[in-house]
N, C-alpha and C. Protein backbone atom coordinates (compact mmCIF):
# COMPACT_ATOMS: atom_id res chain seq x y z
N MET A 1 104.93 118.08 93.62
CA MET A 1 104.71 117.26 94.45
C MET A 1 105.76 116.54 94.66
N PRO A 2 106.44 116.31 96.11
CA PRO A 2 107.18 114.92 96.30
C PRO A 2 107.06 114.04 95.89
N ARG A 3 107.75 112.77 95.61
CA ARG A 3 107.79 111.40 95.55
C ARG A 3 107.13 110.80 96.40
N ALA A 4 106.09 109.52 96.66
CA ALA A 4 105.87 109.27 97.93
C ALA A 4 106.01 107.52 97.47
N LEU A 5 106.59 106.87 98.93
CA LEU A 5 107.01 105.84 99.03
C LEU A 5 106.23 105.12 100.16
N ILE A 6 105.64 103.41 99.74
CA ILE A 6 105.66 102.81 100.57
C ILE A 6 106.15 101.27 100.72
N ALA A 7 106.70 100.93 102.02
CA ALA A 7 107.46 99.95 102.34
C ALA A 7 106.32 98.92 103.16
N SER A 8 106.05 97.90 102.31
CA SER A 8 105.43 96.76 102.82
C SER A 8 105.70 95.39 103.18
N ARG A 9 105.89 94.98 104.20
CA ARG A 9 106.11 93.64 104.99
C ARG A 9 105.01 92.96 104.69
N ALA A 10 105.28 91.67 103.97
CA ALA A 10 103.97 90.68 103.72
C ALA A 10 104.91 89.29 103.80
N THR A 11 103.55 88.65 104.41
CA THR A 11 104.21 86.74 104.66
C THR A 11 103.38 86.35 104.00
N VAL A 12 104.02 85.12 103.06
CA VAL A 12 103.08 84.46 101.96
C VAL A 12 102.97 82.76 102.68
N PRO A 13 101.97 82.29 102.74
CA PRO A 13 102.28 80.87 102.85
C PRO A 13 102.86 79.89 101.67
N ARG A 14 103.46 79.07 102.32
CA ARG A 14 104.04 78.03 101.62
C ARG A 14 103.13 77.67 100.48
N GLY A 15 103.87 77.48 99.18
CA GLY A 15 102.58 76.97 98.34
C GLY A 15 101.95 77.99 97.26
N ARG A 16 102.08 79.53 97.88
CA ARG A 16 101.07 80.26 97.45
C ARG A 16 102.29 81.46 97.15
N GLU A 17 103.60 81.15 96.88
CA GLU A 17 104.88 82.42 96.57
C GLU A 17 104.37 82.54 95.00
N ALA A 18 104.41 81.43 94.27
CA ALA A 18 104.32 81.89 92.58
C ALA A 18 103.30 82.80 92.29
N ASP A 19 101.66 82.36 93.13
CA ASP A 19 100.77 83.49 92.55
C ASP A 19 100.77 84.65 93.01
N TYR A 20 101.80 84.75 94.27
CA TYR A 20 102.01 86.06 95.22
C TYR A 20 102.73 86.83 94.06
N VAL A 21 103.82 86.62 93.56
CA VAL A 21 104.54 86.94 92.66
C VAL A 21 104.04 87.17 91.36
N ALA A 22 103.56 86.58 90.60
CA ALA A 22 102.74 86.96 89.60
C ALA A 22 101.78 88.02 89.62
N ILE A 23 101.06 87.83 90.50
CA ILE A 23 99.86 88.91 90.96
C ILE A 23 100.99 90.37 90.94
N LEU A 24 101.84 90.25 92.02
CA LEU A 24 102.55 91.62 92.09
C LEU A 24 103.21 92.24 90.90
N ALA A 25 103.53 91.23 89.90
CA ALA A 25 104.09 91.42 88.64
C ALA A 25 103.38 92.27 87.82
N ARG A 26 101.82 91.86 87.75
CA ARG A 26 100.86 92.47 87.09
C ARG A 26 100.88 93.95 87.52
N LEU A 27 100.75 93.89 88.97
CA LEU A 27 100.63 95.08 89.47
C LEU A 27 101.57 96.00 89.37
N ALA A 28 103.09 95.64 89.32
CA ALA A 28 103.86 96.23 89.04
C ALA A 28 103.74 96.75 87.55
N ALA A 29 103.27 96.78 86.92
CA ALA A 29 103.39 96.68 85.24
C ALA A 29 102.19 98.15 85.36
N LEU A 30 101.32 98.06 86.12
CA LEU A 30 100.09 99.12 86.11
C LEU A 30 100.77 100.28 87.10
N VAL A 31 101.49 100.20 88.02
CA VAL A 31 102.29 100.98 88.62
C VAL A 31 103.27 101.90 87.42
N ARG A 32 103.83 101.14 86.84
CA ARG A 32 104.99 101.71 86.12
C ARG A 32 104.24 102.76 84.60
N THR A 33 102.77 102.24 84.40
CA THR A 33 101.70 103.11 83.51
C THR A 33 101.86 104.15 84.08
N ARG A 34 101.42 104.48 85.20
CA ARG A 34 101.40 105.38 86.11
C ARG A 34 102.35 106.23 86.72
N GLY A 35 103.67 106.05 86.18
CA GLY A 35 104.89 106.81 86.23
C GLY A 35 105.57 106.41 87.86
N GLY A 36 105.49 105.42 87.89
CA GLY A 36 106.11 104.64 89.59
C GLY A 36 106.65 103.79 89.29
N HIS A 37 107.26 103.16 90.31
CA HIS A 37 108.11 102.02 90.12
C HIS A 37 107.60 101.09 91.37
N PHE A 38 108.36 99.66 91.10
CA PHE A 38 107.76 98.75 92.46
C PHE A 38 108.77 97.89 92.20
N TRP A 39 109.05 97.57 93.46
CA TRP A 39 110.62 96.51 93.83
C TRP A 39 109.82 95.41 94.80
N LEU A 40 110.40 94.46 94.48
CA LEU A 40 110.14 93.22 95.83
C LEU A 40 111.27 92.68 95.92
N PHE A 41 111.10 92.23 97.08
CA PHE A 41 112.70 91.67 97.92
C PHE A 41 111.95 90.40 98.88
N ARG A 42 112.99 89.51 99.01
CA ARG A 42 112.78 88.39 99.54
C ARG A 42 113.89 88.30 100.61
N ASP A 43 113.12 87.67 101.92
CA ASP A 43 114.26 87.18 102.84
C ASP A 43 115.04 86.08 102.75
N PRO A 44 115.79 85.43 102.40
CA PRO A 44 116.16 84.06 101.80
C PRO A 44 116.27 83.16 102.96
N GLY A 45 116.37 83.88 104.27
CA GLY A 45 116.52 82.96 105.39
C GLY A 45 114.97 82.67 106.15
N THR A 46 114.42 83.45 105.90
CA THR A 46 112.96 83.23 106.26
C THR A 46 111.75 83.00 105.39
N PRO A 47 111.31 82.12 104.96
CA PRO A 47 110.55 81.51 104.19
C PRO A 47 109.54 82.34 103.86
N GLY A 48 108.83 82.81 102.81
CA GLY A 48 107.37 83.39 102.73
C GLY A 48 107.45 84.84 103.15
N ALA A 49 108.79 84.98 103.49
CA ALA A 49 108.99 86.93 103.96
C ALA A 49 109.13 87.56 102.85
N PHE A 50 108.26 88.82 102.74
CA PHE A 50 108.79 89.62 101.70
C PHE A 50 108.61 90.84 102.07
N LEU A 51 109.38 91.61 101.07
CA LEU A 51 109.23 93.37 101.19
C LEU A 51 108.63 94.03 100.22
N GLU A 52 107.92 94.47 99.67
CA GLU A 52 107.07 95.57 98.53
C GLU A 52 107.55 96.95 98.52
N PHE A 53 107.91 97.33 97.52
CA PHE A 53 108.14 98.57 97.92
C PHE A 53 107.63 99.47 96.51
N THR A 54 106.51 100.78 96.80
CA THR A 54 106.08 101.08 95.64
C THR A 54 106.39 102.44 95.82
N GLU A 55 107.00 103.23 94.61
CA GLU A 55 107.01 104.70 94.87
C GLU A 55 106.20 104.88 93.75
N SER A 56 105.48 106.47 94.10
CA SER A 56 105.01 107.06 92.90
C SER A 56 105.51 108.62 92.68
N PRO A 57 104.93 109.20 91.35
CA PRO A 57 105.16 110.68 91.54
C PRO A 57 104.76 111.40 92.81
N GLY A 58 103.64 111.32 93.32
CA GLY A 58 103.20 111.68 94.33
C GLY A 58 102.08 111.10 95.34
N ALA A 59 101.57 111.54 96.51
CA ALA A 59 100.89 110.66 97.52
C ALA A 59 99.19 110.44 96.64
N GLU A 60 99.04 111.49 95.98
CA GLU A 60 97.67 111.26 95.20
C GLU A 60 97.56 110.19 93.88
N GLU A 61 98.66 109.87 93.40
CA GLU A 61 98.69 108.69 92.64
C GLU A 61 99.00 107.32 93.06
N HIS A 62 98.98 107.26 94.93
CA HIS A 62 100.02 106.24 95.44
C HIS A 62 99.04 104.91 95.28
N ARG A 63 99.78 103.71 95.29
CA ARG A 63 99.01 102.80 95.40
C ARG A 63 97.89 102.60 96.71
N ALA A 64 98.35 103.42 97.86
CA ALA A 64 97.78 103.15 99.05
C ALA A 64 96.26 103.94 98.91
N ARG A 65 96.51 104.39 98.16
CA ARG A 65 94.95 104.99 97.92
C ARG A 65 94.03 104.20 97.22
N PRO A 66 93.00 104.02 97.61
CA PRO A 66 91.57 103.41 97.00
C PRO A 66 92.19 102.90 95.03
N ALA A 67 91.67 101.83 94.34
CA ALA A 67 92.22 101.70 93.47
C ALA A 67 90.79 102.38 92.39
N SER A 68 91.24 103.03 91.11
CA SER A 68 90.38 103.93 90.19
C SER A 68 89.87 102.96 89.63
N ASP A 69 90.61 101.97 89.24
CA ASP A 69 90.74 101.10 88.17
C ASP A 69 90.09 99.55 88.70
N THR A 70 89.47 98.97 87.88
CA THR A 70 89.05 97.74 88.49
C THR A 70 90.25 96.77 88.44
N GLU A 71 90.89 96.60 87.39
CA GLU A 71 92.13 95.55 87.41
C GLU A 71 93.08 95.70 88.51
N ALA A 72 93.36 97.22 88.56
CA ALA A 72 94.24 97.29 90.30
C ALA A 72 93.49 97.01 91.44
N ALA A 73 91.90 97.45 91.57
CA ALA A 73 91.18 96.86 92.60
C ALA A 73 91.34 95.29 92.78
N ALA A 74 91.15 94.79 91.69
CA ALA A 74 90.86 93.06 91.80
C ALA A 74 92.43 92.52 92.03
N LEU A 75 93.30 93.17 91.62
CA LEU A 75 94.98 92.33 92.10
C LEU A 75 95.08 92.59 93.65
N GLU A 76 94.62 93.82 93.96
CA GLU A 76 94.88 94.04 95.44
C GLU A 76 94.21 93.18 96.10
N ARG A 77 92.71 92.99 96.03
CA ARG A 77 91.93 91.92 96.70
C ARG A 77 92.73 90.70 96.49
N ARG A 78 93.00 90.07 95.24
CA ARG A 78 93.84 88.88 95.48
C ARG A 78 95.17 88.86 96.24
N LEU A 79 95.67 89.86 96.34
CA LEU A 79 96.79 89.76 97.44
C LEU A 79 96.15 89.70 98.66
N GLU A 80 95.75 90.17 99.17
CA GLU A 80 95.16 90.33 100.35
C GLU A 80 94.11 89.15 100.65
N ALA A 81 93.77 88.19 99.78
CA ALA A 81 93.54 86.98 100.03
C ALA A 81 94.37 85.79 100.42
N ILE A 82 95.65 86.17 99.90
CA ILE A 82 97.22 85.49 99.89
C ILE A 82 97.93 85.72 101.11
N ALA A 83 98.38 86.99 101.00
CA ALA A 83 99.57 87.13 102.15
C ALA A 83 98.88 88.22 103.23
N HIS A 84 99.47 87.87 104.27
CA HIS A 84 99.48 88.46 105.57
C HIS A 84 100.18 89.89 105.33
N TYR A 85 99.84 90.78 105.62
CA TYR A 85 100.63 92.11 105.89
C TYR A 85 100.71 93.22 106.96
N ALA A 86 101.88 93.25 107.07
CA ALA A 86 102.00 94.04 108.69
C ALA A 86 100.88 95.39 109.01
N PRO A 87 100.57 95.68 110.10
CA PRO A 87 99.35 96.99 110.32
C PRO A 87 99.84 98.01 109.73
N ASP A 88 101.10 98.62 109.11
CA ASP A 88 101.28 99.83 109.19
C ASP A 88 101.64 99.79 107.57
N ARG A 89 101.23 98.73 106.61
CA ARG A 89 101.04 98.66 105.56
C ARG A 89 100.84 100.04 104.69
N ARG A 90 100.10 100.77 105.10
CA ARG A 90 99.64 101.71 104.03
C ARG A 90 99.99 103.06 104.36
N VAL A 91 101.45 103.25 105.23
CA VAL A 91 101.76 104.25 105.72
C VAL A 91 102.54 104.82 104.43
N VAL A 92 102.06 106.38 103.99
CA VAL A 92 102.83 106.47 102.62
C VAL A 92 104.02 107.44 103.44
N TRP A 93 105.03 107.41 102.86
CA TRP A 93 106.40 108.28 102.99
C TRP A 93 106.32 109.06 102.06
N GLU A 94 106.70 110.69 102.09
CA GLU A 94 106.95 111.51 101.49
C GLU A 94 108.44 111.93 101.17
N GLU A 95 109.01 111.88 100.23
CA GLU A 95 110.35 112.53 99.67
C GLU A 95 110.40 113.68 100.17
N VAL A 96 111.67 113.97 101.32
CA VAL A 96 112.33 115.28 101.64
C VAL A 96 113.26 115.83 100.65
N SER A 97 113.16 116.72 100.09
CA SER A 97 114.39 117.29 98.98
C SER A 97 115.47 117.84 100.16
N LEU A 98 116.67 116.86 99.68
CA LEU A 98 117.77 117.58 100.01
C LEU A 98 118.72 118.31 99.30
N GLU A 99 118.17 119.08 98.02
CA GLU A 99 119.03 120.43 97.63
C GLU A 99 118.93 121.44 98.45
N GLU A 100 119.68 122.20 98.47
CA GLU A 100 119.73 123.55 98.97
C GLU A 100 118.74 124.62 98.28
N PRO A 101 118.13 125.25 99.06
CA PRO A 101 116.94 126.23 97.98
C PRO A 101 117.70 127.12 97.30
């Protein structure tokens, strides 16, 4: 199964960035336990503008699917309360192999 990636653009109000980053740090640790990776980038020229990248071994294990464990679900709800996400937040991109058959 190909790897899957989501790139999410988030806008976080001033004064809530530390909470947002702390929640994502906990969520990133959960993603790693499932064999995935998580990266967070900030736009230094735009206060509160972030890009989240979540990679998983396949679409079935991805963060875009409803969380099966209560900790991940609670963290996702906390993020939704803090950050505003672009409408295409949950688009899952699947890896395309570039190796010759």
